[in-house]
């Protein structure tokens, strides 16, 4: 999305999106990958109900805990699908919009965006960000 400028509207909030430097783009990608990986590999949260049901069988519970630790420690790499799923989630959209809008939108905070970006509007905000990116067109070749 380098080179793109535009305005993203979230309810009453208007965020001016400005270009990121290549270093900022890479930093955003690293933050998004880290958060996406955490969301995709949080095996404990996804298994907590099952683990609670297994507590009456200590042997099975112990095996399950060992498997969760192994999965967490050696879990798979983040797939493109998992990254995209996180990027378009309310948490991912808030992070991306904050990185792209904080320079030109005074008072913009990540916590403020997390409060207003929900499942109901995350797709709309993602669409607005992608539309701004597409309007920038291809970057001119650097000699």
Foldseek 3Di string as FASTA:
>chain_A
DAQFWDWFDQPPDIFTFHGDDPVLVVVLVVVLQVVLVCVVLVVCVVCVVVLVVCPVPVVVNVVVVVVSVVCNVDPDHQDPVSSVVSCLAQLNLLSVSCSRGVVPDPPDDSVVSSVRRHPVCSVVRVVVVVVRVVVSPDDDDDD
